[in-house]
N, C-alpha and C. Protein backbone atom coordinates (compact mmCIF):
# COMPACT_ATOMS: atom_id res chain seq x y z
N MET A 1 5.54 42.20 -17.75
CA MET A 1 4.48 42.26 -17.66
C MET A 1 3.44 41.13 -18.99
N THR A 2 2.53 40.35 -18.40
CA THR A 2 2.02 39.79 -19.43
C THR A 2 0.92 40.17 -20.42
N ASP A 3 0.65 39.40 -21.17
CA ASP A 3 -0.26 40.20 -22.49
C ASP A 3 -1.77 40.17 -21.60
N LYS A 4 -1.86 39.43 -20.88
CA LYS A 4 -3.23 39.32 -19.71
C LYS A 4 -3.21 40.84 -19.20
N GLU A 5 -2.13 41.39 -18.31
CA GLU A 5 -2.13 42.37 -17.64
C GLU A 5 -2.20 43.40 -18.35
N LEU A 6 -1.41 43.72 -19.49
CA LEU A 6 -1.30 44.51 -20.64
C LEU A 6 -3.06 45.26 -20.99
N ARG A 7 -3.68 44.08 -21.05
CA ARG A 7 -5.02 44.11 -22.06
C ARG A 7 -5.87 44.46 -20.78
N ARG A 8 -5.52 44.62 -19.26
CA ARG A 8 -6.38 44.88 -18.44
C ARG A 8 -6.07 46.59 -17.88
N LEU A 9 -5.09 46.98 -18.82
CA LEU A 9 -4.72 48.31 -18.00
C LEU A 9 -5.55 49.28 -18.88
N LYS A 10 -5.73 50.68 -18.28
CA LYS A 10 -6.66 51.62 -18.71
C LYS A 10 -5.74 52.45 -19.37
N ARG A 11 -6.58 53.19 -20.47
CA ARG A 11 -5.97 54.12 -21.55
C ARG A 11 -4.84 55.05 -20.65
N ASP A 12 -4.92 55.49 -20.18
CA ASP A 12 -4.14 56.55 -19.12
C ASP A 12 -2.94 55.70 -18.89
N GLU A 13 -2.78 54.41 -18.18
CA GLU A 13 -1.73 53.92 -17.86
C GLU A 13 -0.96 53.19 -18.91
N LEU A 14 -2.13 52.72 -20.23
CA LEU A 14 -1.15 52.42 -21.38
C LEU A 14 -0.43 53.80 -22.01
N LEU A 15 -1.16 55.03 -21.77
CA LEU A 15 0.02 56.39 -22.67
C LEU A 15 0.65 56.75 -21.64
N GLU A 16 0.80 56.36 -20.77
CA GLU A 16 2.26 56.61 -19.62
C GLU A 16 3.50 55.71 -19.88
N ILE A 17 2.90 54.24 -19.87
CA ILE A 17 3.90 53.56 -20.37
C ILE A 17 4.77 53.91 -21.39
N LEU A 18 3.83 53.94 -22.59
CA LEU A 18 4.36 54.62 -23.74
C LEU A 18 5.06 55.80 -24.19
N PHE A 19 4.83 56.69 -22.91
CA PHE A 19 5.66 58.04 -22.71
C PHE A 19 7.14 57.78 -22.28
N TYR A 20 6.71 56.94 -21.37
CA TYR A 20 8.45 56.26 -20.89
C TYR A 20 8.98 55.50 -21.62
N LEU A 21 8.59 54.78 -22.31
CA LEU A 21 8.98 53.89 -23.48
C LEU A 21 9.83 54.81 -24.43
N GLN A 22 9.04 56.12 -24.79
CA GLN A 22 9.55 56.82 -25.78
C GLN A 22 10.70 57.66 -25.53
N LYS A 23 10.69 57.76 -24.40
CA LYS A 23 11.70 58.55 -23.20
C LYS A 23 13.07 57.96 -23.39
N GLU A 24 13.04 56.78 -23.04
CA GLU A 24 13.91 55.64 -23.18
C GLU A 24 14.50 55.41 -24.38
N VAL A 25 13.43 55.30 -25.45
CA VAL A 25 13.71 55.40 -27.01
C VAL A 25 14.86 56.49 -26.99
N ASP A 26 14.36 57.55 -27.02
CA ASP A 26 15.20 58.70 -27.24
C ASP A 26 16.50 59.04 -26.71
N ASN A 27 16.46 58.60 -25.21
CA ASN A 27 17.90 58.67 -24.41
C ASN A 27 18.77 57.40 -25.22
N LEU A 28 18.23 56.44 -25.69
CA LEU A 28 19.24 55.49 -26.37
C LEU A 28 19.60 55.87 -27.75
N LYS A 29 18.80 56.67 -28.31
CA LYS A 29 19.14 56.98 -29.67
C LYS A 29 20.28 58.35 -29.47
N GLN A 30 19.84 59.08 -28.31
CA GLN A 30 21.10 59.93 -28.25
C GLN A 30 22.26 59.44 -27.95
N GLN A 31 22.14 58.32 -27.16
CA GLN A 31 23.47 57.52 -26.65
C GLN A 31 24.00 57.09 -27.90
N ASN A 32 23.58 56.58 -28.59
CA ASN A 32 23.91 55.88 -29.81
C ASN A 32 24.77 56.85 -30.87
N GLN A 33 23.76 57.80 -31.14
CA GLN A 33 24.51 58.86 -31.66
C GLN A 33 25.62 59.58 -31.48
N GLU A 34 25.71 59.50 -29.99
CA GLU A 34 27.03 60.08 -29.40
C GLU A 34 28.27 59.11 -29.49
N LEU A 35 27.98 57.73 -29.23
CA LEU A 35 28.95 56.58 -29.61
C LEU A 35 29.57 56.49 -31.27
N GLN A 36 28.74 56.62 -31.82
CA GLN A 36 28.82 56.69 -33.42
C GLN A 36 29.76 58.04 -33.47
N GLN A 37 29.63 58.87 -33.31
CA GLN A 37 30.22 60.13 -33.68
C GLN A 37 31.82 59.79 -32.87
N ARG A 38 31.76 59.33 -31.43
CA ARG A 38 32.87 59.19 -30.93
C ARG A 38 33.82 57.90 -31.70
N ILE A 39 33.02 57.14 -32.51
CA ILE A 39 33.78 56.14 -33.25
C ILE A 39 34.45 56.67 -34.48
N GLU A 40 33.64 57.56 -34.84
CA GLU A 40 34.26 58.34 -36.18
C GLU A 40 35.26 59.27 -36.18
N ASN A 41 35.43 59.71 -34.73
CA ASN A 41 36.27 60.95 -34.51
C ASN A 41 37.53 59.71 -34.18
N LEU A 42 37.43 58.78 -33.69
CA LEU A 42 38.45 57.92 -33.56
C LEU A 42 39.42 57.50 -34.74
N THR A 43 38.51 57.18 -35.68
CA THR A 43 38.67 56.46 -37.01
C THR A 43 39.14 57.94 -37.92
N LEU A 44 38.65 59.13 -37.82
CA LEU A 44 39.47 60.35 -38.51
C LEU A 44 40.60 60.69 -38.07
N ASN A 45 40.60 60.54 -36.91
CA ASN A 45 42.10 61.08 -36.17
C ASN A 45 42.80 59.85 -36.13
N LYS A 46 42.51 58.65 -36.54
CA LYS A 46 43.62 57.69 -37.19
C LYS A 46 44.24 57.02 -35.44
N GLN A 47 43.54 57.57 -34.61
CA GLN A 47 44.32 56.78 -33.17
C GLN A 47 43.73 55.66 -33.19
N SER A 48 44.67 54.94 -32.99
CA SER A 48 44.61 53.43 -32.74
C SER A 48 43.85 53.15 -31.20
N LEU A 49 43.43 52.55 -31.38
CA LEU A 49 42.32 51.59 -29.95
C LEU A 49 42.92 50.82 -29.29
N SER A 50 42.65 51.11 -27.92
CA SER A 50 43.40 50.30 -26.66
C SER A 50 43.05 49.26 -26.30
N ASP A 51 43.37 48.33 -25.80
CA ASP A 51 42.49 47.03 -25.37
C ASP A 51 41.08 47.43 -24.87
N GLU A 52 41.40 48.38 -23.80
CA GLU A 52 40.20 48.81 -22.86
C GLU A 52 39.50 49.34 -23.61
N ASP A 53 39.27 50.32 -25.23
CA ASP A 53 38.74 50.99 -25.89
C ASP A 53 37.75 49.56 -26.38
N LEU A 54 38.52 48.50 -27.14
CA LEU A 54 37.86 47.62 -27.54
C LEU A 54 36.96 46.78 -26.45
N ASN A 55 37.49 46.49 -25.76
CA ASN A 55 36.34 45.79 -24.65
C ASN A 55 35.32 46.79 -24.55
N ARG A 56 35.39 48.13 -24.06
CA ARG A 56 34.45 48.63 -24.11
C ARG A 56 33.55 48.89 -25.05
N ILE A 57 33.67 48.96 -26.47
CA ILE A 57 32.86 48.74 -27.41
C ILE A 57 32.27 47.30 -27.36
N SER A 58 32.91 46.49 -27.11
CA SER A 58 32.41 44.97 -27.52
C SER A 58 31.51 44.98 -26.52
N GLN A 59 31.53 45.52 -25.03
CA GLN A 59 30.56 45.39 -24.15
C GLN A 59 29.37 46.35 -24.53
N ILE A 60 29.51 46.92 -24.93
CA ILE A 60 28.29 48.41 -25.48
C ILE A 60 27.59 47.66 -26.71
N ILE A 61 28.22 46.96 -27.56
CA ILE A 61 27.53 45.93 -28.44
C ILE A 61 26.68 44.76 -27.88
N LYS A 62 27.43 44.16 -26.88
CA LYS A 62 26.92 42.96 -26.19
C LYS A 62 25.41 43.36 -25.64
N ASP A 63 25.62 44.54 -24.68
CA ASP A 63 24.26 45.02 -23.95
C ASP A 63 23.30 45.73 -25.15
N ALA A 64 23.76 46.16 -26.11
CA ALA A 64 22.66 46.43 -27.29
C ALA A 64 22.02 45.54 -27.77
N LEU A 65 22.57 44.26 -28.22
CA LEU A 65 21.90 43.34 -28.86
C LEU A 65 21.04 42.44 -27.54
N ASN A 66 21.46 42.57 -26.53
CA ASN A 66 20.81 41.63 -25.66
C ASN A 66 19.29 42.37 -25.37
N PRO A 67 18.39 41.80 -25.09
CA PRO A 67 17.36 42.41 -25.16
C PRO A 67 17.17 42.89 -23.43
N VAL A 68 16.48 43.87 -23.40
CA VAL A 68 15.99 44.75 -21.86
C VAL A 68 15.52 43.42 -21.16
N LYS A 69 16.21 43.42 -19.77
CA LYS A 69 15.48 42.84 -18.78
C LYS A 69 14.03 43.13 -18.19
N THR A 70 13.31 42.14 -18.31
CA THR A 70 12.02 42.73 -17.69
C THR A 70 11.70 42.09 -16.25
N ASP A 71 10.67 41.78 -15.71
CA ASP A 71 10.42 41.26 -14.80
C ASP A 71 10.54 40.12 -15.13
N GLU A 72 9.90 39.56 -15.82
CA GLU A 72 9.64 37.98 -16.53
C GLU A 72 11.04 37.43 -16.77
N ASN A 73 12.33 38.37 -17.12
CA ASN A 73 13.25 37.64 -17.80
C ASN A 73 14.07 37.43 -16.18
N ILE A 74 13.89 38.34 -15.38
CA ILE A 74 14.73 38.58 -14.21
C ILE A 74 13.93 37.03 -13.51
N SER A 75 12.84 36.99 -13.34
CA SER A 75 12.46 35.90 -12.68
C SER A 75 13.05 34.25 -13.11
N ASP A 76 13.46 34.39 -14.28
CA ASP A 76 13.91 33.33 -15.16
C ASP A 76 15.30 32.88 -14.77
N SER A 77 15.73 34.18 -14.01
CA SER A 77 17.42 33.90 -13.92
C SER A 77 17.94 32.83 -13.33
N PRO A 78 19.01 32.37 -13.21
CA PRO A 78 19.64 31.02 -12.41
C PRO A 78 19.53 31.31 -10.68
N GLU A 79 19.81 32.89 -10.55
CA GLU A 79 19.65 32.57 -9.07
C GLU A 79 18.32 32.33 -8.57
N SER A 80 17.06 33.14 -9.16
CA SER A 80 15.95 32.95 -8.69
C SER A 80 15.32 31.53 -8.51
N ALA A 81 15.77 31.06 -9.75
CA ALA A 81 15.55 29.42 -10.16
C ALA A 81 15.91 28.52 -9.02
N GLU A 82 17.33 28.90 -8.31
CA GLU A 82 17.82 28.33 -7.28
C GLU A 82 17.12 28.56 -5.94
N GLN A 83 16.72 29.70 -6.12
CA GLN A 83 15.85 30.16 -4.80
C GLN A 83 14.53 29.61 -4.53
N GLU A 84 14.01 29.41 -5.91
CA GLU A 84 12.75 28.74 -5.78
C GLU A 84 12.98 27.29 -5.40
N ARG A 85 14.13 26.62 -5.82
CA ARG A 85 14.04 24.92 -5.69
C ARG A 85 14.23 25.05 -4.28
N SER A 86 14.98 25.83 -3.46
CA SER A 86 14.95 25.79 -1.79
C SER A 86 14.31 26.45 -1.30
N SER A 87 13.10 26.96 -1.53
CA SER A 87 11.92 27.15 -1.11
C SER A 87 11.01 25.96 -0.64
């Protein structure tokens, strides 16, 4: 959604967006807390991490560091660019 589109939204629509974004933030915080607890348990129990665990942790970190894909980002993907060229 562009800045121009956001400016045209009504107060109720903006509040609804904020509500859903806050729910998403709460879910992500909970997930983060659970993952931190899991890592702490693994560390405290001195369990060695398998390659699969390390790969999962690595993927979670990569996903967390990448920005959330928006409609704008999706349209900039290589597949959509290829489709636009062929049109």
